[in-house]
Amino acid sequence: MEHIHEHDHPHTHSHDHPHPHEHVHAGEGEGKVVAVLNYMLEHNVHHCAELKEMAATLSGEAQHQLFHAVEAFEEANGHLARAVEELKKQEHEKE
């Protein structure tokens, strides 16, 4: 199932993101899990960059909190990337 989210970002731009929302269920192949996690990681990286752009246009506490949000995104993205690496390693070991 695919649908579009519209995002309006002050001082930046408007755009649409298609979201396939493929749900992965227990017992499905790890390859599908890796594909969905890769998609989510790329999507998060994009949004993280947008948050950085917005933060650069602000000042004060709002800017401070957005930079904290960016740090949280980057930390989460690191965990996602390591999970993908581990799954790929496990798949390779099975071959």
PDB file of N, CA and C in Angstrom:
ATOM      1  N   MET A   1       0.856  -1.166   0.000  1.00  0.00           N
ATOM      2  CA  MET A   1       0.000   0.000   0.000  1.00  0.00           C
ATOM      3  C   MET A   1       0.903   1.231   0.000  1.00  0.00           C
ATOM      4  N   GLU A   2       0.659   2.142  -0.932  1.00  0.00           N
ATOM      5  CA  GLU A   2       1.490   3.330  -1.029  1.00  0.00           C
ATOM      6  C   GLU A   2       0.628   4.566  -0.850  1.00  0.00           C
ATOM      7  N   HIS A   3       1.133   5.533  -0.105  1.00  0.00           N
ATOM      8  CA  HIS A   3       0.457   6.808   0.024  1.00  0.00           C
ATOM      9  C   HIS A   3       1.478   7.921   0.150  1.00  0.00           C
ATOM     10  N   ILE A   4       1.011   9.128   0.019  1.00  0.00           N
ATOM     11  CA  ILE A   4       1.897  10.283  -0.018  1.00  0.00           C
ATOM     12  C   ILE A   4       1.694  11.130   1.237  1.00  0.00           C
ATOM     13  N   HIS A   5       2.808  11.571   1.821  1.00  0.00           N
ATOM     14  CA  HIS A   5       2.777  12.545   2.904  1.00  0.00           C
ATOM     15  C   HIS A   5       3.275  13.861   2.343  1.00  0.00           C
ATOM     16  N   GLU A   6       2.524  14.926   2.550  1.00  0.00           N
ATOM     17  CA  GLU A   6       3.009  16.230   2.135  1.00  0.00           C
ATOM     18  C   GLU A   6       3.626  16.915   3.345  1.00  0.00           C
ATOM     19  N   HIS A   7       4.772  17.523   3.133  1.00  0.00           N
ATOM     20  CA  HIS A   7       5.463  18.224   4.198  1.00  0.00           C
ATOM     21  C   HIS A   7       5.684  19.664   3.765  1.00  0.00           C
ATOM     22  N   ASP A   8       5.287  20.619   4.586  1.00  0.00           N
ATOM     23  CA  ASP A   8       5.610  22.016   4.335  1.00  0.00           C
ATOM     24  C   ASP A   8       6.639  22.432   5.360  1.00  0.00           C
ATOM     25  N   HIS A   9       7.764  22.916   4.874  1.00  0.00           N
ATOM     26  CA  HIS A   9       8.849  23.309   5.756  1.00  0.00           C
ATOM     27  C   HIS A   9       9.079  24.803   5.618  1.00  0.00           C
ATOM     28  N   PRO A  10       8.876  25.584   6.690  1.00  0.00           N
ATOM     29  CA  PRO A  10       9.135  27.020   6.595  1.00  0.00           C
ATOM     30  C   PRO A  10      10.583  27.270   6.185  1.00  0.00           C
ATOM     31  N   HIS A  11      10.783  28.224   5.337  1.00  0.00           N
ATOM     32  CA  HIS A  11      12.101  28.662   4.889  1.00  0.00           C
ATOM     33  C   HIS A  11      12.831  27.609   4.053  1.00  0.00           C
ATOM     34  N   THR A  12      12.173  26.516   3.707  1.00  0.00           N
ATOM     35  CA  THR A  12      12.859  25.541   2.861  1.00  0.00           C
ATOM     36  C   THR A  12      12.004  25.268   1.628  1.00  0.00           C
ATOM     37  N   HIS A  13      11.292  24.166   1.597  1.00  0.00           N
ATOM     38  CA  HIS A  13      10.569  23.777   0.405  1.00  0.00           C
ATOM     39  C   HIS A  13       9.447  22.816   0.755  1.00  0.00           C
ATOM     40  N   SER A  14       8.548  22.607  -0.207  1.00  0.00           N
ATOM     41  CA  SER A  14       7.490  21.602  -0.054  1.00  0.00           C
ATOM     42  C   SER A  14       7.817  20.428  -0.961  1.00  0.00           C
ATOM     43  N   HIS A  15       7.480  19.233  -0.516  1.00  0.00           N
ATOM     44  CA  HIS A  15       7.723  18.054  -1.331  1.00  0.00           C
ATOM     45  C   HIS A  15       6.864  16.912  -0.850  1.00  0.00           C
ATOM     46  N   ASP A  16       6.773  15.898  -1.668  1.00  0.00           N
ATOM     47  CA  ASP A  16       6.010  14.696  -1.334  1.00  0.00           C
ATOM     48  C   ASP A  16       6.973  13.544  -1.148  1.00  0.00           C
ATOM     49  N   HIS A  17       6.628  12.644  -0.231  1.00  0.00           N
ATOM     50  CA  HIS A  17       7.405  11.421  -0.014  1.00  0.00           C
ATOM     51  C   HIS A  17       6.483  10.232  -0.194  1.00  0.00           C
ATOM     52  N   PRO A  18       6.759   9.364  -1.156  1.00  0.00           N
ATOM     53  CA  PRO A  18       5.976   8.129  -1.204  1.00  0.00           C
ATOM     54  C   PRO A  18       6.416   7.211  -0.064  1.00  0.00           C
ATOM     55  N   HIS A  19       5.483   6.594   0.575  1.00  0.00           N
ATOM     56  CA  HIS A  19       5.778   5.670   1.679  1.00  0.00           C
ATOM     57  C   HIS A  19       5.152   4.317   1.375  1.00  0.00           C
ATOM     58  N   PRO A  20       5.964   3.334   0.965  1.00  0.00           N
ATOM     59  CA  PRO A  20       5.377   2.041   0.632  1.00  0.00           C
ATOM     60  C   PRO A  20       4.813   1.309   1.842  1.00  0.00           C
ATOM     61  N   HIS A  21       5.323   1.560   3.023  1.00  0.00           N
ATOM     62  CA  HIS A  21       4.846   0.915   4.246  1.00  0.00           C
ATOM     63  C   HIS A  21       4.666  -0.580   4.086  1.00  0.00           C
ATOM     64  N   GLU A  22       5.711  -1.232   3.631  1.00  0.00           N
ATOM     65  CA  GLU A  22       5.674  -2.683   3.572  1.00  0.00           C
ATOM     66  C   GLU A  22       5.870  -3.200   4.987  1.00  0.00           C
ATOM     67  N   HIS A  23       4.870  -3.885   5.472  1.00  0.00           N
ATOM     68  CA  HIS A  23       4.969  -4.416   6.822  1.00  0.00           C
ATOM     69  C   HIS A  23       5.625  -5.786   6.774  1.00  0.00           C
ATOM     70  N   VAL A  24       6.588  -5.978   7.642  1.00  0.00           N
ATOM     71  CA  VAL A  24       7.325  -7.229   7.682  1.00  0.00           C
ATOM     72  C   VAL A  24       6.821  -8.028   8.871  1.00  0.00           C
ATOM     73  N   HIS A  25       6.470  -9.260   8.612  1.00  0.00           N
ATOM     74  CA  HIS A  25       5.936 -10.133   9.652  1.00  0.00           C
ATOM     75  C   HIS A  25       6.924 -11.240   9.975  1.00  0.00           C
ATOM     76  N   ALA A  26       6.813 -11.777  11.183  1.00  0.00           N
ATOM     77  CA  ALA A  26       7.687 -12.872  11.608  1.00  0.00           C
ATOM     78  C   ALA A  26       7.626 -13.992  10.584  1.00  0.00           C
ATOM     79  N   GLY A  27       8.772 -14.534  10.278  1.00  0.00           N
ATOM     80  CA  GLY A  27       8.848 -15.632   9.333  1.00  0.00           C
ATOM     81  C   GLY A  27       9.181 -15.184   7.924  1.00  0.00           C
ATOM     82  N   GLU A  28       9.058 -13.886   7.654  1.00  0.00           N
ATOM     83  CA  GLU A  28       9.434 -13.391   6.332  1.00  0.00           C
ATOM     84  C   GLU A  28      10.946 -13.271   6.279  1.00  0.00           C
ATOM     85  N   GLY A  29      11.488 -13.284   5.107  1.00  0.00           N
ATOM     86  CA  GLY A  29      12.927 -13.283   4.930  1.00  0.00           C
ATOM     87  C   GLY A  29      13.613 -12.056   5.489  1.00  0.00           C
ATOM     88  N   GLU A  30      14.839 -12.286   5.969  1.00  0.00           N
ATOM     89  CA  GLU A  30      15.632 -11.180   6.488  1.00  0.00           C
ATOM     90  C   GLU A  30      15.959 -10.177   5.391  1.00  0.00           C
ATOM     91  N   GLY A  31      16.000 -10.633   4.143  1.00  0.00           N
ATOM     92  CA  GLY A  31      16.262  -9.725   3.029  1.00  0.00           C
ATOM     93  C   GLY A  31      15.219  -8.630   2.943  1.00  0.00           C
ATOM     94  N   LYS A  32      13.964  -8.983   3.186  1.00  0.00           N
ATOM     95  CA  LYS A  32      12.890  -7.990   3.175  1.00  0.00           C
ATOM     96  C   LYS A  32      13.052  -7.040   4.351  1.00  0.00           C
ATOM     97  N   VAL A  33      13.450  -7.559   5.498  1.00  0.00           N
ATOM     98  CA  VAL A  33      13.682  -6.717   6.671  1.00  0.00           C
ATOM     99  C   VAL A  33      14.798  -5.717   6.365  1.00  0.00           C
ATOM    100  N   VAL A  34      15.871  -6.184   5.757  1.00  0.00           N
ATOM    101  CA  VAL A  34      16.990  -5.308   5.406  1.00  0.00           C
ATOM    102  C   VAL A  34      16.515  -4.223   4.450  1.00  0.00           C
ATOM    103  N   ALA A  35      15.714  -4.590   3.465  1.00  0.00           N
ATOM    104  CA  ALA A  35      15.225  -3.616   2.489  1.00  0.00           C
ATOM    105  C   ALA A  35      14.384  -2.534   3.165  1.00  0.00           C
ATOM    106  N   VAL A  36      13.493  -2.940   4.053  1.00  0.00           N
ATOM    107  CA  VAL A  36      12.638  -1.965   4.749  1.00  0.00           C
ATOM    108  C   VAL A  36      13.477  -1.091   5.674  1.00  0.00           C
ATOM    109  N   LEU A  37      14.427  -1.690   6.393  1.00  0.00           N
ATOM    110  CA  LEU A  37      15.287  -0.899   7.276  1.00  0.00           C
ATOM    111  C   LEU A  37      16.140   0.088   6.485  1.00  0.00           C
ATOM    112  N   ASN A  38      16.650  -0.333   5.329  1.00  0.00           N
ATOM    113  CA  ASN A  38      17.420   0.580   4.472  1.00  0.00           C
ATOM    114  C   ASN A  38      16.559   1.751   4.030  1.00  0.00           C
ATOM    115  N   TYR A  39      15.320   1.467   3.634  1.00  0.00           N
ATOM    116  CA  TYR A  39      14.396   2.525   3.225  1.00  0.00           C
ATOM    117  C   TYR A  39      14.178   3.503   4.386  1.00  0.00           C
ATOM    118  N   MET A  40      13.915   2.973   5.565  1.00  0.00           N
ATOM    119  CA  MET A  40      13.671   3.823   6.729  1.00  0.00           C
ATOM    120  C   MET A  40      14.900   4.670   7.065  1.00  0.00           C
ATOM    121  N   LEU A  41      16.073   4.072   6.969  1.00  0.00           N
ATOM    122  CA  LEU A  41      17.308   4.787   7.256  1.00  0.00           C
ATOM    123  C   LEU A  41      17.498   5.945   6.280  1.00  0.00           C
ATOM    124  N   GLU A  42      17.330   5.682   4.982  1.00  0.00           N
ATOM    125  CA  GLU A  42      17.478   6.742   3.987  1.00  0.00           C
ATOM    126  C   GLU A  42      16.464   7.862   4.224  1.00  0.00           C
ATOM    127  N   HIS A  43      15.250   7.491   4.556  1.00  0.00           N
ATOM    128  CA  HIS A  43      14.191   8.462   4.830  1.00  0.00           C
ATOM    129  C   HIS A  43      14.556   9.318   6.047  1.00  0.00           C
ATOM    130  N   ASN A  44      15.031   8.674   7.100  1.00  0.00           N
ATOM    131  CA  ASN A  44      15.429   9.404   8.309  1.00  0.00           C
ATOM    132  C   ASN A  44      16.593  10.350   8.032  1.00  0.00           C
ATOM    133  N   VAL A  45      17.560   9.918   7.235  1.00  0.00           N
ATOM    134  CA  VAL A  45      18.701  10.770   6.898  1.00  0.00           C
ATOM    135  C   VAL A  45      18.204  12.027   6.188  1.00  0.00           C
ATOM    136  N   HIS A  46      17.247  11.858   5.289  1.00  0.00           N
ATOM    137  CA  HIS A  46      16.674  12.993   4.562  1.00  0.00           C
ATOM    138  C   HIS A  46      16.015  13.973   5.541  1.00  0.00           C
ATOM    139  N   HIS A  47      15.203  13.449   6.442  1.00  0.00           N
ATOM    140  CA  HIS A  47      14.525  14.322   7.406  1.00  0.00           C
ATOM    141  C   HIS A  47      15.510  14.973   8.369  1.00  0.00           C
ATOM    142  N   CYS A  48      16.548  14.276   8.719  1.00  0.00           N
ATOM    143  CA  CYS A  48      17.574  14.842   9.593  1.00  0.00           C
ATOM    144  C   CYS A  48      18.216  16.055   8.911  1.00  0.00           C
ATOM    145  N   ALA A  49      18.514  15.931   7.639  1.00  0.00           N
ATOM    146  CA  ALA A  49      19.098  17.051   6.892  1.00  0.00           C
ATOM    147  C   ALA A  49      18.139  18.235   6.854  1.00  0.00           C
ATOM    148  N   GLU A  50      16.852  17.957   6.693  1.00  0.00           N
ATOM    149  CA  GLU A  50      15.862  19.034   6.692  1.00  0.00           C
ATOM    150  C   GLU A  50      15.802  19.734   8.049  1.00  0.00           C
ATOM    151  N   LEU A  51      15.876  18.957   9.121  1.00  0.00           N
ATOM    152  CA  LEU A  51      15.875  19.558  10.461  1.00  0.00           C
ATOM    153  C   LEU A  51      17.088  20.469  10.652  1.00  0.00           C
ATOM    154  N   LYS A  52      18.244  20.031  10.149  1.00  0.00           N
ATOM    155  CA  LYS A  52      19.451  20.862  10.246  1.00  0.00           C
ATOM    156  C   LYS A  52      19.253  22.180   9.512  1.00  0.00           C
ATOM    157  N   GLU A  53      18.654  22.111   8.313  1.00  0.00           N
ATOM    158  CA  GLU A  53      18.388  23.322   7.538  1.00  0.00           C
ATOM    159  C   GLU A  53      17.478  24.272   8.313  1.00  0.00           C
ATOM    160  N   MET A  54      16.407  23.728   8.868  1.00  0.00           N
ATOM    161  CA  MET A  54      15.473  24.556   9.627  1.00  0.00           C
ATOM    162  C   MET A  54      16.146  25.159  10.849  1.00  0.00           C
ATOM    163  N   ALA A  55      16.930  24.356  11.555  1.00  0.00           N
ATOM    164  CA  ALA A  55      17.599  24.848  12.761  1.00  0.00           C
ATOM    165  C   ALA A  55      18.519  26.012  12.433  1.00  0.00           C
ATOM    166  N   ALA A  56      19.153  25.958  11.284  1.00  0.00           N
ATOM    167  CA  ALA A  56      20.077  27.028  10.890  1.00  0.00           C
ATOM    168  C   ALA A  56      19.356  28.359  10.692  1.00  0.00           C
ATOM    169  N   THR A  57      18.052  28.325  10.452  1.00  0.00           N
ATOM    170  CA  THR A  57      17.291  29.558  10.243  1.00  0.00           C
ATOM    171  C   THR A  57      16.734  30.120  11.543  1.00  0.00           C
ATOM    172  N   LEU A  58      16.886  29.385  12.635  1.00  0.00           N
ATOM    173  CA  LEU A  58      16.301  29.780  13.919  1.00  0.00           C
ATOM    174  C   LEU A  58      17.369  30.229  14.895  1.00  0.00           C
ATOM    175  N   SER A  59      16.901  30.639  16.058  1.00  0.00           N
ATOM    176  CA  SER A  59      17.819  31.003  17.134  1.00  0.00           C
ATOM    177  C   SER A  59      17.163  30.649  18.466  1.00  0.00           C
ATOM    178  N   GLY A  60      17.920  30.785  19.503  1.00  0.00           N
ATOM    179  CA  GLY A  60      17.385  30.578  20.844  1.00  0.00           C
ATOM    180  C   GLY A  60      17.041  29.136  21.153  1.00  0.00           C
ATOM    181  N   GLU A  61      16.061  28.974  22.038  1.00  0.00           N
ATOM    182  CA  GLU A  61      15.699  27.651  22.543  1.00  0.00           C
ATOM    183  C   GLU A  61      15.124  26.750  21.451  1.00  0.00           C
ATOM    184  N   ALA A  62      14.381  27.326  20.512  1.00  0.00           N
ATOM    185  CA  ALA A  62      13.832  26.506  19.419  1.00  0.00           C
ATOM    186  C   ALA A  62      14.963  25.884  18.616  1.00  0.00           C
ATOM    187  N   GLN A  63      15.983  26.673  18.292  1.00  0.00           N
ATOM    188  CA  GLN A  63      17.131  26.149  17.557  1.00  0.00           C
ATOM    189  C   GLN A  63      17.841  25.082  18.387  1.00  0.00           C
ATOM    190  N   HIS A  64      18.021  25.361  19.663  1.00  0.00           N
ATOM    191  CA  HIS A  64      18.685  24.423  20.565  1.00  0.00           C
ATOM    192  C   HIS A  64      17.954  23.073  20.563  1.00  0.00           C
ATOM    193  N   GLN A  65      16.633  23.104  20.666  1.00  0.00           N
ATOM    194  CA  GLN A  65      15.857  21.859  20.711  1.00  0.00           C
ATOM    195  C   GLN A  65      15.903  21.125  19.368  1.00  0.00           C
ATOM    196  N   LEU A  66      15.886  21.870  18.260  1.00  0.00           N
ATOM    197  CA  LEU A  66      15.999  21.208  16.962  1.00  0.00           C
ATOM    198  C   LEU A  66      17.353  20.523  16.809  1.00  0.00           C
ATOM    199  N   PHE A  67      18.407  21.165  17.294  1.00  0.00           N
ATOM    200  CA  PHE A  67      19.715  20.513  17.221  1.00  0.00           C
ATOM    201  C   PHE A  67      19.744  19.248  18.085  1.00  0.00           C
ATOM    202  N   HIS A  68      19.030  19.255  19.212  1.00  0.00           N
ATOM    203  CA  HIS A  68      18.904  18.027  20.004  1.00  0.00           C
ATOM    204  C   HIS A  68      18.150  16.960  19.210  1.00  0.00           C
ATOM    205  N   ALA A  69      17.115  17.360  18.483  1.00  0.00           N
ATOM    206  CA  ALA A  69      16.356  16.414  17.659  1.00  0.00           C
ATOM    207  C   ALA A  69      17.260  15.812  16.577  1.00  0.00           C
ATOM    208  N   VAL A  70      18.101  16.651  15.973  1.00  0.00           N
ATOM    209  CA  VAL A  70      19.045  16.178  14.962  1.00  0.00           C
ATOM    210  C   VAL A  70      19.989  15.140  15.574  1.00  0.00           C
ATOM    211  N   GLU A  71      20.500  15.428  16.765  1.00  0.00           N
ATOM    212  CA  GLU A  71      21.388  14.471  17.436  1.00  0.00           C
ATOM    213  C   GLU A  71      20.673  13.144  17.674  1.00  0.00           C
ATOM    214  N   ALA A  72      19.406  13.206  18.087  1.00  0.00           N
ATOM    215  CA  ALA A  72      18.644  11.983  18.341  1.00  0.00           C
ATOM    216  C   ALA A  72      18.433  11.202  17.047  1.00  0.00           C
ATOM    217  N   PHE A  73      18.099  11.909  15.949  1.00  0.00           N
ATOM    218  CA  PHE A  73      17.957  11.254  14.651  1.00  0.00           C
ATOM    219  C   PHE A  73      19.263  10.572  14.268  1.00  0.00           C
ATOM    220  N   GLU A  74      20.374  11.292  14.421  1.00  0.00           N
ATOM    221  CA  GLU A  74      21.669  10.728  14.030  1.00  0.00           C
ATOM    222  C   GLU A  74      22.015   9.506  14.874  1.00  0.00           C
ATOM    223  N   GLU A  75      21.692   9.550  16.159  1.00  0.00           N
ATOM    224  CA  GLU A  75      21.949   8.379  17.010  1.00  0.00           C
ATOM    225  C   GLU A  75      21.079   7.198  16.574  1.00  0.00           C
ATOM    226  N   ALA A  76      19.803   7.463  16.337  1.00  0.00           N
ATOM    227  CA  ALA A  76      18.898   6.398  15.895  1.00  0.00           C
ATOM    228  C   ALA A  76      19.344   5.838  14.547  1.00  0.00           C
ATOM    229  N   ASN A  77      19.775   6.718  13.645  1.00  0.00           N
ATOM    230  CA  ASN A  77      20.248   6.261  12.344  1.00  0.00           C
ATOM    231  C   ASN A  77      21.475   5.371  12.480  1.00  0.00           C
ATOM    232  N   GLY A  78      22.333   5.678  13.433  1.00  0.00           N
ATOM    233  CA  GLY A  78      23.492   4.830  13.689  1.00  0.00           C
ATOM    234  C   GLY A  78      23.075   3.436  14.131  1.00  0.00           C
ATOM    235  N   HIS A  79      22.064   3.372  15.005  1.00  0.00           N
ATOM    236  CA  HIS A  79      21.562   2.063  15.455  1.00  0.00           C
ATOM    237  C   HIS A  79      20.940   1.294  14.289  1.00  0.00           C
ATOM    238  N   LEU A  80      20.147   2.000  13.467  1.00  0.00           N
ATOM    239  CA  LEU A  80      19.551   1.339  12.301  1.00  0.00           C
ATOM    240  C   LEU A  80      20.625   0.813  11.359  1.00  0.00           C
ATOM    241  N   ALA A  81      21.640   1.623  11.101  1.00  0.00           N
ATOM    242  CA  ALA A  81      22.718   1.209  10.198  1.00  0.00           C
ATOM    243  C   ALA A  81      23.438  -0.015  10.736  1.00  0.00           C
ATOM    244  N   ARG A  82      23.695  -0.042  12.038  1.00  0.00           N
ATOM    245  CA  ARG A  82      24.375  -1.208  12.626  1.00  0.00           C
ATOM    246  C   ARG A  82      23.490  -2.447  12.573  1.00  0.00           C
ATOM    247  N   ALA A  83      22.179  -2.277  12.749  1.00  0.00           N
ATOM    248  CA  ALA A  83      21.265  -3.419  12.637  1.00  0.00           C
ATOM    249  C   ALA A  83      21.287  -3.977  11.221  1.00  0.00           C
ATOM    250  N   VAL A  84      21.282  -3.090  10.224  1.00  0.00           N
ATOM    251  CA  VAL A  84      21.340  -3.529   8.825  1.00  0.00           C
ATOM    252  C   VAL A  84      22.647  -4.269   8.562  1.00  0.00           C
ATOM    253  N   GLU A  85      23.757  -3.715   9.041  1.00  0.00           N
ATOM    254  CA  GLU A  85      25.057  -4.367   8.860  1.00  0.00           C
ATOM    255  C   GLU A  85      25.056  -5.762   9.481  1.00  0.00           C
ATOM    256  N   GLU A  86      24.486  -5.873  10.670  1.00  0.00           N
ATOM    257  CA  GLU A  86      24.453  -7.168  11.360  1.00  0.00           C
ATOM    258  C   GLU A  86      23.596  -8.172  10.590  1.00  0.00           C
ATOM    259  N   LEU A  87      22.446  -7.732  10.099  1.00  0.00           N
ATOM    260  CA  LEU A  87      21.586  -8.633   9.326  1.00  0.00           C
ATOM    261  C   LEU A  87      22.269  -9.081   8.042  1.00  0.00           C
ATOM    262  N   LYS A  88      22.954  -8.154   7.373  1.00  0.00           N
ATOM    263  CA  LYS A  88      23.678  -8.523   6.153  1.00  0.00           C
ATOM    264  C   LYS A  88      24.789  -9.516   6.467  1.00  0.00           C
ATOM    265  N   LYS A  89      25.478  -9.310   7.580  1.00  0.00           N
ATOM    266  CA  LYS A  89      26.542 -10.223   8.005  1.00  0.00           C
ATOM    267  C   LYS A  89      25.962 -11.614   8.272  1.00  0.00           C
ATOM    268  N   GLN A  90      24.812 -11.665   8.948  1.00  0.00           N
ATOM    269  CA  GLN A  90      24.168 -12.946   9.246  1.00  0.00           C
ATOM    270  C   GLN A  90      23.752 -13.647   7.966  1.00  0.00           C
ATOM    271  N   GLU A  91      23.207 -12.880   7.003  1.00  0.00           N
ATOM    272  CA  GLU A  91      22.803 -13.478   5.719  1.00  0.00           C
ATOM    273  C   GLU A  91      24.017 -14.056   4.998  1.00  0.00           C
ATOM    274  N   HIS A  92      25.127 -13.315   5.020  1.00  0.00           N
ATOM    275  CA  HIS A  92      26.345 -13.762   4.349  1.00  0.00           C
ATOM    276  C   HIS A  92      26.885 -15.047   4.994  1.00  0.00           C
ATOM    277  N   GLU A  93      26.803 -15.141   6.310  1.00  0.00           N
ATOM    278  CA  GLU A  93      27.298 -16.319   7.037  1.00  0.00           C
ATOM    279  C   GLU A  93      26.459 -17.556   6.700  1.00  0.00           C
ATOM    280  N   LYS A  94      25.191 -17.369   6.363  1.00  0.00           N
ATOM    281  CA  LYS A  94      24.321 -18.489   6.028  1.00  0.00           C
ATOM    282  C   LYS A  94      24.628 -19.067   4.658  1.00  0.00           C
ATOM    283  N   GLU A  95      25.255 -18.265   3.803  1.00  0.00           N
ATOM    284  CA  GLU A  95      25.537 -18.700   2.426  1.00  0.00           C
ATOM    285  C   GLU A  95      26.636 -19.722   2.373  1.00  0.00           C
TER     286      GLU A  95
END
